N, C-alpha and C. Protein backbone atom coordinates (compact mmCIF):
# COMPACT_ATOMS: atom_id res chain seq x y z
N MET A 1 -65.17 -50.55 -31.76
CA MET A 1 -66.24 -50.47 -32.30
C MET A 1 -66.73 -50.31 -34.13
N ARG A 2 -68.85 -51.13 -33.69
CA ARG A 2 -68.74 -51.92 -34.52
C ARG A 2 -69.75 -51.31 -35.69
N LEU A 3 -69.81 -51.39 -36.86
CA LEU A 3 -71.21 -50.56 -38.19
C LEU A 3 -72.16 -51.36 -38.19
N ARG A 4 -73.23 -50.96 -38.59
CA ARG A 4 -74.12 -52.23 -38.45
C ARG A 4 -74.39 -52.06 -39.96
N SER A 5 -74.87 -51.18 -40.47
CA SER A 5 -75.10 -51.59 -42.12
C SER A 5 -73.97 -52.03 -43.34
N PRO A 6 -74.14 -52.41 -43.98
CA PRO A 6 -72.85 -52.98 -44.15
C PRO A 6 -72.74 -51.49 -45.40
N ARG A 7 -72.93 -50.35 -45.37
CA ARG A 7 -72.92 -49.11 -46.35
C ARG A 7 -72.45 -48.94 -45.62
N ALA A 8 -72.50 -48.41 -44.01
CA ALA A 8 -71.65 -48.10 -43.91
C ALA A 8 -69.81 -48.16 -43.63
N ARG A 9 -69.80 -49.92 -42.96
CA ARG A 9 -69.07 -50.35 -42.67
C ARG A 9 -67.95 -50.52 -45.13
N ARG A 10 -69.04 -50.42 -45.46
CA ARG A 10 -67.95 -50.06 -46.78
C ARG A 10 -67.04 -48.94 -47.34
N THR A 11 -68.43 -47.13 -46.69
CA THR A 11 -68.43 -46.76 -46.18
C THR A 11 -66.47 -46.05 -45.93
N CYS A 12 -66.38 -46.21 -44.56
CA CYS A 12 -65.49 -46.66 -43.43
C CYS A 12 -64.04 -47.49 -43.96
N CYS A 13 -64.16 -47.85 -44.74
CA CYS A 13 -63.58 -49.22 -45.11
C CYS A 13 -62.84 -48.44 -46.67
N CYS A 14 -63.42 -47.61 -47.51
CA CYS A 14 -61.80 -47.05 -48.31
C CYS A 14 -62.42 -45.90 -47.61
N THR A 15 -62.56 -45.49 -46.13
CA THR A 15 -62.00 -43.66 -46.19
C THR A 15 -60.82 -43.29 -45.68
N PRO A 16 -60.14 -42.52 -46.16
CA PRO A 16 -58.69 -41.98 -45.55
C PRO A 16 -58.82 -41.59 -44.51
N LEU A 17 -57.40 -42.61 -43.17
CA LEU A 17 -57.96 -42.22 -41.57
C LEU A 17 -58.16 -40.68 -40.89
N GLU A 18 -57.98 -40.47 -42.08
CA GLU A 18 -57.95 -39.05 -41.48
C GLU A 18 -60.10 -38.59 -41.62
N ASP A 19 -60.09 -38.98 -42.28
CA ASP A 19 -61.52 -38.42 -42.68
C ASP A 19 -63.14 -39.73 -42.04
N ARG A 20 -62.61 -40.71 -41.39
CA ARG A 20 -62.51 -41.84 -40.21
C ARG A 20 -62.30 -41.52 -39.35
N LYS A 21 -61.51 -40.90 -38.26
CA LYS A 21 -61.11 -40.26 -37.76
C LYS A 21 -62.02 -38.73 -37.37
N ARG A 22 -62.41 -37.99 -37.73
CA ARG A 22 -63.09 -36.73 -37.39
C ARG A 22 -64.50 -37.16 -38.21
N VAL A 23 -65.39 -38.90 -38.03
CA VAL A 23 -66.22 -39.01 -38.23
C VAL A 23 -66.56 -39.69 -36.52
N LEU A 24 -65.39 -40.48 -36.56
CA LEU A 24 -64.76 -40.72 -34.59
C LEU A 24 -65.78 -40.31 -33.86
N ALA A 25 -64.61 -38.71 -33.99
CA ALA A 25 -64.76 -37.67 -33.18
C ALA A 25 -65.63 -37.12 -32.83
N ARG A 26 -66.87 -37.52 -34.32
CA ARG A 26 -68.09 -35.96 -33.46
C ARG A 26 -69.11 -37.60 -33.14
N LEU A 27 -68.66 -38.49 -33.30
CA LEU A 27 -69.67 -39.94 -32.37
C LEU A 27 -68.99 -39.96 -31.16
N ILE A 28 -67.87 -40.22 -30.85
CA ILE A 28 -67.83 -39.62 -29.10
C ILE A 28 -67.54 -38.72 -28.86
N ARG A 29 -68.06 -37.21 -28.86
CA ARG A 29 -67.31 -36.55 -28.68
C ARG A 29 -67.72 -36.35 -26.60
N LYS A 30 -69.14 -36.83 -26.55
CA LYS A 30 -69.01 -36.36 -24.92
C LYS A 30 -68.89 -38.17 -24.55
N PRO A 31 -68.02 -37.44 -23.35
CA PRO A 31 -67.47 -37.92 -22.90
C PRO A 31 -68.06 -39.73 -21.92
N ARG A 32 -67.13 -40.53 -22.06
CA ARG A 32 -68.34 -42.57 -21.62
C ARG A 32 -67.57 -42.71 -20.62
N PRO A 33 -67.90 -43.78 -20.11
CA PRO A 33 -66.56 -44.94 -18.91
C PRO A 33 -65.29 -45.61 -19.85
N GLY A 34 -64.57 -45.52 -19.99
CA GLY A 34 -63.81 -46.40 -21.16
C GLY A 34 -63.62 -46.08 -22.20
N LEU A 35 -63.33 -45.17 -22.45
CA LEU A 35 -63.93 -44.00 -24.33
C LEU A 35 -63.30 -43.25 -24.62
N VAL A 36 -61.39 -43.65 -25.14
CA VAL A 36 -61.17 -42.17 -25.01
C VAL A 36 -60.39 -42.09 -26.06
N PHE A 37 -61.29 -40.81 -27.11
CA PHE A 37 -60.09 -40.38 -28.44
C PHE A 37 -59.12 -40.25 -28.63
N ASN A 38 -57.71 -41.24 -28.49
CA ASN A 38 -56.68 -40.52 -28.44
C ASN A 38 -56.30 -39.57 -30.07
N ALA A 39 -55.00 -38.66 -29.32
CA ALA A 39 -54.38 -37.71 -30.28
C ALA A 39 -53.78 -38.11 -31.04
N THR A 40 -53.98 -37.26 -32.32
CA THR A 40 -52.87 -38.05 -33.06
C THR A 40 -51.88 -37.28 -33.58
N PHE A 41 -50.29 -37.86 -33.30
CA PHE A 41 -48.91 -36.78 -33.38
C PHE A 41 -48.87 -36.45 -34.85
N GLU A 42 -48.61 -35.92 -34.90
CA GLU A 42 -47.51 -35.18 -35.67
C GLU A 42 -45.98 -35.49 -36.38
N GLU A 43 -45.43 -35.46 -35.57
CA GLU A 43 -43.81 -36.00 -35.34
C GLU A 43 -43.83 -37.17 -35.11
N PRO A 44 -42.04 -37.29 -36.21
CA PRO A 44 -41.92 -38.30 -36.45
C PRO A 44 -42.28 -39.94 -35.46
N GLY A 45 -41.93 -40.73 -35.28
CA GLY A 45 -42.24 -41.75 -34.62
C GLY A 45 -41.22 -41.94 -34.04
N ASP A 46 -39.98 -41.89 -34.47
CA ASP A 46 -38.83 -42.73 -32.99
C ASP A 46 -38.98 -41.72 -31.85
N VAL A 47 -39.32 -40.30 -32.16
CA VAL A 47 -39.34 -39.37 -31.12
C VAL A 47 -40.65 -39.72 -30.94
N VAL A 48 -42.18 -39.73 -30.74
CA VAL A 48 -43.50 -40.19 -30.30
C VAL A 48 -42.61 -41.92 -29.17
N PHE A 49 -42.26 -43.02 -30.06
CA PHE A 49 -41.92 -43.88 -29.18
C PHE A 49 -41.43 -43.72 -28.02
N LYS A 50 -40.10 -42.59 -28.08
CA LYS A 50 -38.85 -42.74 -27.44
C LYS A 50 -39.93 -42.09 -26.01
N HIS A 51 -40.80 -40.87 -25.82
CA HIS A 51 -41.93 -39.95 -25.16
C HIS A 51 -42.72 -41.53 -24.93
N ALA A 52 -43.44 -42.09 -25.38
CA ALA A 52 -44.30 -43.33 -25.07
C ALA A 52 -43.80 -44.21 -24.01
N CYS A 53 -42.10 -45.08 -24.07
CA CYS A 53 -41.54 -45.33 -23.06
C CYS A 53 -41.20 -44.68 -22.29
N ALA A 54 -41.08 -43.35 -21.82
CA ALA A 54 -40.62 -42.72 -20.89
C ALA A 54 -41.70 -42.62 -19.85
N LEU A 55 -42.65 -42.75 -20.43
CA LEU A 55 -43.81 -42.80 -19.76
C LEU A 55 -44.44 -43.90 -19.16
N GLY A 56 -44.10 -44.79 -20.44
CA GLY A 56 -44.07 -46.48 -18.40
C GLY A 56 -45.74 -46.68 -20.23
N CYS A 57 -45.64 -46.58 -21.48
CA CYS A 57 -46.35 -46.74 -21.77
C CYS A 57 -46.15 -48.32 -22.86
N GLU A 58 -47.25 -49.33 -22.41
CA GLU A 58 -46.87 -50.46 -23.58
C GLU A 58 -46.68 -50.30 -24.79
N GLY A 59 -46.72 -49.43 -25.96
CA GLY A 59 -46.05 -49.23 -26.46
C GLY A 59 -47.48 -48.08 -27.80
N ILE A 60 -46.79 -47.76 -29.14
CA ILE A 60 -47.63 -47.37 -29.78
C ILE A 60 -48.28 -47.56 -31.20
N VAL A 61 -49.08 -47.51 -31.64
CA VAL A 61 -49.77 -47.55 -33.15
C VAL A 61 -49.64 -46.42 -34.36
N SER A 62 -48.40 -47.23 -35.36
CA SER A 62 -48.26 -45.59 -35.86
C SER A 62 -49.54 -46.31 -36.73
N LYS A 63 -49.67 -45.66 -37.69
CA LYS A 63 -50.93 -45.42 -39.25
C LYS A 63 -50.87 -44.65 -40.16
N ARG A 64 -50.79 -45.45 -40.99
CA ARG A 64 -50.20 -44.15 -42.57
C ARG A 64 -51.46 -43.10 -42.37
N ARG A 65 -50.43 -41.85 -42.82
CA ARG A 65 -51.88 -41.46 -43.55
C ARG A 65 -52.56 -41.54 -44.92
N GLY A 66 -53.68 -41.05 -44.92
CA GLY A 66 -53.78 -41.86 -46.33
C GLY A 66 -54.51 -43.14 -45.90
N SER A 67 -54.07 -43.87 -45.35
CA SER A 67 -55.13 -46.03 -45.70
C SER A 67 -55.89 -45.43 -45.58
N ARG A 68 -56.00 -46.45 -45.95
CA ARG A 68 -58.02 -47.57 -45.83
C ARG A 68 -57.64 -48.27 -45.06
N TYR A 69 -59.00 -48.40 -43.90
CA TYR A 69 -58.70 -49.11 -42.89
C TYR A 69 -58.38 -51.20 -43.85
N ARG A 70 -58.30 -51.91 -43.16
CA ARG A 70 -57.95 -53.70 -43.70
C ARG A 70 -57.88 -54.10 -42.02
N SER A 71 -58.48 -54.82 -42.26
CA SER A 71 -58.83 -55.76 -41.18
C SER A 71 -58.11 -57.31 -41.29
N TRP A 72 -57.16 -56.96 -41.73
CA TRP A 72 -55.87 -57.75 -41.96
C TRP A 72 -54.29 -56.41 -41.75
N HIS A 73 -53.22 -57.80 -41.29
CA HIS A 73 -52.61 -57.10 -41.25
C HIS A 73 -51.26 -55.48 -42.59
N SER A 74 -51.23 -54.81 -42.21
CA SER A 74 -50.76 -54.17 -43.64
C SER A 74 -49.32 -53.33 -42.97
N ARG A 75 -48.60 -53.35 -44.13
CA ARG A 75 -47.39 -52.37 -43.23
C ARG A 75 -48.09 -51.10 -42.92
N ASP A 76 -49.46 -50.57 -43.72
CA ASP A 76 -49.74 -49.25 -43.32
C ASP A 76 -49.70 -48.85 -42.26
N TRP A 77 -50.23 -49.76 -40.96
CA TRP A 77 -49.94 -50.29 -39.69
C TRP A 77 -49.28 -51.03 -39.20
N ILE A 78 -48.90 -50.30 -37.68
CA ILE A 78 -47.56 -50.95 -37.44
C ILE A 78 -48.08 -50.56 -36.03
N LYS A 79 -47.80 -52.06 -35.07
CA LYS A 79 -47.91 -51.66 -33.53
C LYS A 79 -45.87 -51.68 -33.20
N THR A 80 -45.01 -51.19 -32.31
CA THR A 80 -43.92 -50.81 -32.19
C THR A 80 -44.44 -51.51 -30.23
N LYS A 81 -43.53 -52.27 -29.68
CA LYS A 81 -43.86 -52.96 -28.66
C LYS A 81 -42.72 -52.22 -27.77
N ASN A 82 -42.75 -51.80 -26.02
CA ASN A 82 -41.65 -50.91 -25.22
C ASN A 82 -41.17 -51.79 -24.75
N PRO A 83 -40.18 -52.40 -24.40
CA PRO A 83 -39.47 -54.09 -24.44
C PRO A 83 -39.46 -54.62 -22.33
N ALA A 84 -39.50 -52.59 -22.37
CA ALA A 84 -39.59 -52.71 -21.02
C ALA A 84 -41.05 -52.13 -19.93
N ALA A 85 -42.40 -52.31 -20.68
CA ALA A 85 -43.38 -52.62 -20.16
C ALA A 85 -43.46 -53.49 -19.46
N PRO A 86 -44.15 -54.00 -17.93
CA PRO A 86 -44.56 -55.09 -17.71
C PRO A 86 -45.76 -56.19 -18.33
N ALA A 87 -46.09 -54.98 -19.20
CA ALA A 87 -47.59 -56.17 -20.08
C ALA A 87 -46.96 -56.63 -21.13
N VAL A 88 -45.52 -56.47 -22.18
CA VAL A 88 -44.86 -57.06 -22.85
C VAL A 88 -43.88 -58.06 -22.69
N LYS A 89 -42.67 -57.87 -20.85
CA LYS A 89 -42.23 -58.27 -20.27
C LYS A 89 -43.26 -59.51 -20.06
N ARG A 90 -44.56 -59.25 -19.19
CA ARG A 90 -45.25 -60.94 -19.10
C ARG A 90 -45.53 -61.61 -19.74
N GLU A 91 -45.44 -60.96 -21.56
CA GLU A 91 -45.49 -61.39 -22.56
C GLU A 91 -45.27 -62.40 -23.50
N ALA A 92 -43.36 -62.00 -22.86
CA ALA A 92 -42.85 -62.57 -23.67
C ALA A 92 -42.12 -63.79 -22.62
N GLU A 93 -42.65 -63.46 -21.62
CA GLU A 93 -42.04 -65.00 -20.51
C GLU A 93 -43.05 -65.98 -21.16
N GLU A 94 -44.41 -65.19 -21.00
CA GLU A 94 -45.00 -66.20 -20.76
C GLU A 94 -44.63 -67.22 -22.28
N ASP A 95 -44.20 -66.20 -23.71
CA ASP A 95 -43.89 -67.13 -25.34
C ASP A 95 -42.63 -67.58 -24.83
N ARG A 96 -41.73 -67.52 -23.82
CA ARG A 96 -40.16 -68.64 -23.45
C ARG A 96 -41.26 -69.78 -22.70
N GLY A 97 -42.51 -69.48 -21.54
CA GLY A 97 -42.51 -70.69 -20.93
C GLY A 97 -43.89 -71.43 -21.82
N GLY A 98 -44.51 -71.27 -22.54
CA GLY A 98 -44.71 -72.48 -23.65
C GLY A 98 -46.49 -72.22 -23.07
N ARG A 99 -46.38 -70.78 -22.04
CA ARG A 99 -47.75 -71.19 -21.69
C ARG A 99 -49.40 -69.50 -21.94
N ARG A 100 -48.08 -69.93 -23.54
CA ARG A 100 -49.31 -68.23 -23.91
C ARG A 100 -50.88 -68.72 -24.84
N TRP A 101 -51.76 -68.02 -24.84
CA TRP A 101 -52.85 -68.78 -24.88
C TRP A 101 -52.74 -68.35 -26.56
N ARG A 102 -53.62 -68.96 -27.30
CA ARG A 102 -53.82 -69.14 -28.56
C ARG A 102 -55.20 -68.45 -28.67
């Protein structure tokens, strides 16, 4: 989702995660094809990851409470991949074979 005005972008970047999620939930309260507002889990990350793997999910994204938005890598935003997921296996095979796109 892109914010059109510079003011909206600045506000988004300076606002804690919980506030950004509340705004986003209001913006997409009506169901739309291909757009899902993901649930927030308060359980420890290892517990959520274990359940995600059992469901066959590709992985999870963990975000630190109160974190600000960053357009670059940050320790406040961590992606953990399920090595048994088909998409992750395929990505690993492509990396080993040197066929990965960049």
